[in-house]
Amino acid sequence: MFEGYSSVIKLSDKELNMLYDVVIARFTLSVSIGRETILSGGGNDYIEKCVNENIVYLQKLTNFGRETFNKVVIGI
């Protein structure tokens, strides 16, 4: 995925190193908004499914850590 994107717009080393933080922040935001929606009574099966899946992905990503994420996902 990142190779394809980088062929269009070259990401700097600083941008590549920030991707882990951006991905973690995005999953955290998705989980937080989803949970709040569910708790406020506005949830549905789809939102609950997404929240539960995103919690699993967030846990895996935090267990990976930045170094493994960079090697496995980005390839650096």
N, C-alpha and C. Protein backbone atom coordinates (compact mmCIF):
# COMPACT_ATOMS: atom_id res chain seq x y z
N MET A 1 0.82 -1.18 0.00
CA MET A 1 0.00 0.00 0.00
C MET A 1 0.87 1.25 0.00
N PHE A 2 1.88 1.29 0.86
CA PHE A 2 2.71 2.48 0.97
C PHE A 2 3.60 2.65 -0.25
N GLU A 3 4.01 1.53 -0.87
CA GLU A 3 4.81 1.64 -2.09
C GLU A 3 4.01 2.31 -3.18
N GLY A 4 2.74 1.93 -3.33
CA GLY A 4 1.88 2.55 -4.34
C GLY A 4 1.67 4.02 -4.08
N TYR A 5 1.44 4.36 -2.85
CA TYR A 5 1.25 5.77 -2.50
C TYR A 5 2.53 6.54 -2.73
N SER A 6 3.65 5.97 -2.33
CA SER A 6 4.94 6.65 -2.47
C SER A 6 5.33 6.84 -3.93
N SER A 7 4.77 6.03 -4.83
CA SER A 7 5.08 6.22 -6.25
C SER A 7 4.39 7.47 -6.79
N VAL A 8 3.35 7.94 -6.10
CA VAL A 8 2.64 9.15 -6.51
C VAL A 8 3.21 10.35 -5.78
N ILE A 9 3.31 10.26 -4.46
CA ILE A 9 3.85 11.32 -3.63
C ILE A 9 4.88 10.69 -2.69
N LYS A 10 6.10 11.11 -2.79
CA LYS A 10 7.16 10.55 -1.96
C LYS A 10 7.02 11.07 -0.53
N LEU A 11 6.89 10.14 0.42
CA LEU A 11 6.81 10.51 1.82
C LEU A 11 8.22 10.69 2.38
N SER A 12 8.39 11.72 3.17
CA SER A 12 9.69 11.94 3.81
C SER A 12 9.89 10.92 4.92
N ASP A 13 11.11 10.80 5.39
CA ASP A 13 11.39 9.90 6.51
C ASP A 13 10.58 10.30 7.75
N LYS A 14 10.45 11.59 7.97
CA LYS A 14 9.68 12.08 9.11
C LYS A 14 8.21 11.66 8.98
N GLU A 15 7.65 11.77 7.79
CA GLU A 15 6.26 11.36 7.56
C GLU A 15 6.09 9.86 7.75
N LEU A 16 7.02 9.07 7.22
CA LEU A 16 6.95 7.62 7.39
C LEU A 16 7.02 7.23 8.86
N ASN A 17 7.87 7.90 9.62
CA ASN A 17 8.00 7.59 11.04
C ASN A 17 6.77 8.00 11.84
N MET A 18 5.98 8.92 11.33
CA MET A 18 4.76 9.36 12.01
C MET A 18 3.56 8.47 11.72
N LEU A 19 3.65 7.61 10.72
CA LEU A 19 2.50 6.80 10.33
C LEU A 19 1.98 5.92 11.47
N TYR A 20 2.87 5.36 12.25
CA TYR A 20 2.44 4.53 13.38
C TYR A 20 1.53 5.33 14.31
N ASP A 21 1.96 6.53 14.65
CA ASP A 21 1.17 7.38 15.53
C ASP A 21 -0.18 7.73 14.92
N VAL A 22 -0.19 8.01 13.63
CA VAL A 22 -1.42 8.37 12.94
C VAL A 22 -2.40 7.19 12.92
N VAL A 23 -1.89 6.01 12.63
CA VAL A 23 -2.75 4.82 12.59
C VAL A 23 -3.31 4.51 13.98
N ILE A 24 -2.47 4.57 15.00
CA ILE A 24 -2.93 4.34 16.38
C ILE A 24 -3.99 5.38 16.75
N ALA A 25 -3.74 6.64 16.43
CA ALA A 25 -4.69 7.70 16.76
C ALA A 25 -6.02 7.48 16.04
N ARG A 26 -5.96 7.06 14.78
CA ARG A 26 -7.20 6.85 14.02
C ARG A 26 -8.03 5.71 14.60
N PHE A 27 -7.39 4.60 14.94
CA PHE A 27 -8.12 3.48 15.54
C PHE A 27 -8.69 3.88 16.90
N THR A 28 -7.92 4.63 17.69
CA THR A 28 -8.39 5.09 18.99
C THR A 28 -9.61 5.99 18.83
N LEU A 29 -9.56 6.88 17.88
CA LEU A 29 -10.69 7.77 17.62
C LEU A 29 -11.93 6.98 17.19
N SER A 30 -11.74 6.01 16.30
CA SER A 30 -12.86 5.19 15.84
C SER A 30 -13.51 4.42 17.00
N VAL A 31 -12.69 3.84 17.85
CA VAL A 31 -13.20 3.09 19.00
C VAL A 31 -13.92 4.03 19.96
N SER A 32 -13.33 5.18 20.23
CA SER A 32 -13.93 6.13 21.17
C SER A 32 -15.28 6.66 20.69
N ILE A 33 -15.33 7.07 19.44
CA ILE A 33 -16.59 7.59 18.89
C ILE A 33 -17.64 6.48 18.83
N GLY A 34 -17.23 5.30 18.41
CA GLY A 34 -18.16 4.17 18.35
C GLY A 34 -18.73 3.80 19.71
N ARG A 35 -17.85 3.74 20.70
CA ARG A 35 -18.30 3.41 22.07
C ARG A 35 -19.26 4.46 22.59
N GLU A 36 -18.95 5.73 22.37
CA GLU A 36 -19.83 6.81 22.82
C GLU A 36 -21.18 6.73 22.12
N THR A 37 -21.18 6.41 20.85
CA THR A 37 -22.43 6.25 20.10
C THR A 37 -23.27 5.13 20.70
N ILE A 38 -22.63 4.01 21.00
CA ILE A 38 -23.33 2.86 21.58
C ILE A 38 -23.88 3.22 22.97
N LEU A 39 -23.04 3.84 23.80
CA LEU A 39 -23.45 4.18 25.16
C LEU A 39 -24.57 5.22 25.19
N SER A 40 -24.63 6.08 24.17
CA SER A 40 -25.68 7.10 24.13
C SER A 40 -26.97 6.58 23.50
N GLY A 41 -26.97 5.29 23.14
CA GLY A 41 -28.18 4.68 22.60
C GLY A 41 -28.33 4.80 21.09
N GLY A 42 -27.33 5.33 20.42
CA GLY A 42 -27.43 5.51 18.97
C GLY A 42 -26.76 4.41 18.17
N GLY A 43 -26.34 3.37 18.85
CA GLY A 43 -25.61 2.30 18.17
C GLY A 43 -26.50 1.34 17.43
N ASN A 44 -25.88 0.53 16.61
CA ASN A 44 -26.56 -0.55 15.91
C ASN A 44 -25.57 -1.70 15.75
N ASP A 45 -26.02 -2.78 15.13
CA ASP A 45 -25.15 -3.96 14.99
C ASP A 45 -23.86 -3.64 14.24
N TYR A 46 -23.98 -2.81 13.21
CA TYR A 46 -22.80 -2.46 12.40
C TYR A 46 -21.77 -1.70 13.24
N ILE A 47 -22.23 -0.71 13.99
CA ILE A 47 -21.32 0.08 14.81
C ILE A 47 -20.67 -0.80 15.87
N GLU A 48 -21.44 -1.67 16.51
CA GLU A 48 -20.87 -2.56 17.52
C GLU A 48 -19.83 -3.49 16.92
N LYS A 49 -20.11 -4.01 15.73
CA LYS A 49 -19.15 -4.89 15.05
C LYS A 49 -17.86 -4.13 14.75
N CYS A 50 -17.99 -2.93 14.23
CA CYS A 50 -16.81 -2.13 13.89
C CYS A 50 -15.99 -1.80 15.14
N VAL A 51 -16.66 -1.41 16.21
CA VAL A 51 -15.95 -1.09 17.46
C VAL A 51 -15.18 -2.31 17.95
N ASN A 52 -15.84 -3.45 17.98
CA ASN A 52 -15.19 -4.67 18.46
C ASN A 52 -13.99 -5.06 17.60
N GLU A 53 -14.12 -4.93 16.28
CA GLU A 53 -13.00 -5.25 15.39
C GLU A 53 -11.88 -4.24 15.56
N ASN A 54 -12.23 -2.97 15.69
CA ASN A 54 -11.20 -1.95 15.83
C ASN A 54 -10.45 -2.08 17.15
N ILE A 55 -11.12 -2.53 18.20
CA ILE A 55 -10.45 -2.78 19.48
C ILE A 55 -9.38 -3.86 19.29
N VAL A 56 -9.71 -4.90 18.56
CA VAL A 56 -8.75 -5.99 18.31
C VAL A 56 -7.56 -5.46 17.51
N TYR A 57 -7.83 -4.68 16.44
CA TYR A 57 -6.74 -4.13 15.63
C TYR A 57 -5.88 -3.17 16.45
N LEU A 58 -6.49 -2.36 17.27
CA LEU A 58 -5.75 -1.42 18.11
C LEU A 58 -4.84 -2.16 19.08
N GLN A 59 -5.35 -3.23 19.68
CA GLN A 59 -4.52 -4.03 20.60
C GLN A 59 -3.34 -4.65 19.86
N LYS A 60 -3.60 -5.19 18.67
CA LYS A 60 -2.51 -5.79 17.89
C LYS A 60 -1.46 -4.76 17.52
N LEU A 61 -1.91 -3.59 17.08
CA LEU A 61 -0.96 -2.55 16.69
C LEU A 61 -0.12 -2.07 17.86
N THR A 62 -0.75 -1.91 19.02
CA THR A 62 0.03 -1.46 20.17
C THR A 62 0.99 -2.55 20.64
N ASN A 63 0.60 -3.82 20.49
CA ASN A 63 1.51 -4.91 20.82
C ASN A 63 2.67 -4.98 19.83
N PHE A 64 2.39 -4.69 18.56
CA PHE A 64 3.46 -4.65 17.54
C PHE A 64 4.53 -3.67 17.94
N GLY A 65 4.11 -2.48 18.29
CA GLY A 65 5.06 -1.40 18.55
C GLY A 65 5.50 -0.75 17.26
N ARG A 66 6.12 0.40 17.40
CA ARG A 66 6.55 1.19 16.23
C ARG A 66 7.55 0.46 15.35
N GLU A 67 8.55 -0.15 15.96
CA GLU A 67 9.62 -0.78 15.18
C GLU A 67 9.07 -1.91 14.31
N THR A 68 8.27 -2.78 14.88
CA THR A 68 7.68 -3.89 14.10
C THR A 68 6.72 -3.36 13.05
N PHE A 69 5.91 -2.37 13.40
CA PHE A 69 4.99 -1.74 12.45
C PHE A 69 5.78 -1.22 11.25
N ASN A 70 6.86 -0.49 11.52
CA ASN A 70 7.65 0.06 10.43
C ASN A 70 8.24 -1.04 9.53
N LYS A 71 8.70 -2.12 10.13
CA LYS A 71 9.30 -3.20 9.35
C LYS A 71 8.25 -3.98 8.56
N VAL A 72 7.17 -4.36 9.24
CA VAL A 72 6.18 -5.25 8.62
C VAL A 72 5.22 -4.50 7.70
N VAL A 73 4.68 -3.41 8.18
CA VAL A 73 3.64 -2.71 7.43
C VAL A 73 4.22 -1.77 6.39
N ILE A 74 5.20 -1.00 6.77
CA ILE A 74 5.76 -0.01 5.85
C ILE A 74 6.92 -0.57 5.05
N GLY A 75 7.67 -1.48 5.66
CA GLY A 75 8.81 -2.05 4.97
C GLY A 75 10.10 -1.24 5.14
N ILE A 76 10.17 -0.50 6.26
CA ILE A 76 11.41 0.27 6.50
C ILE A 76 12.08 -0.22 7.77
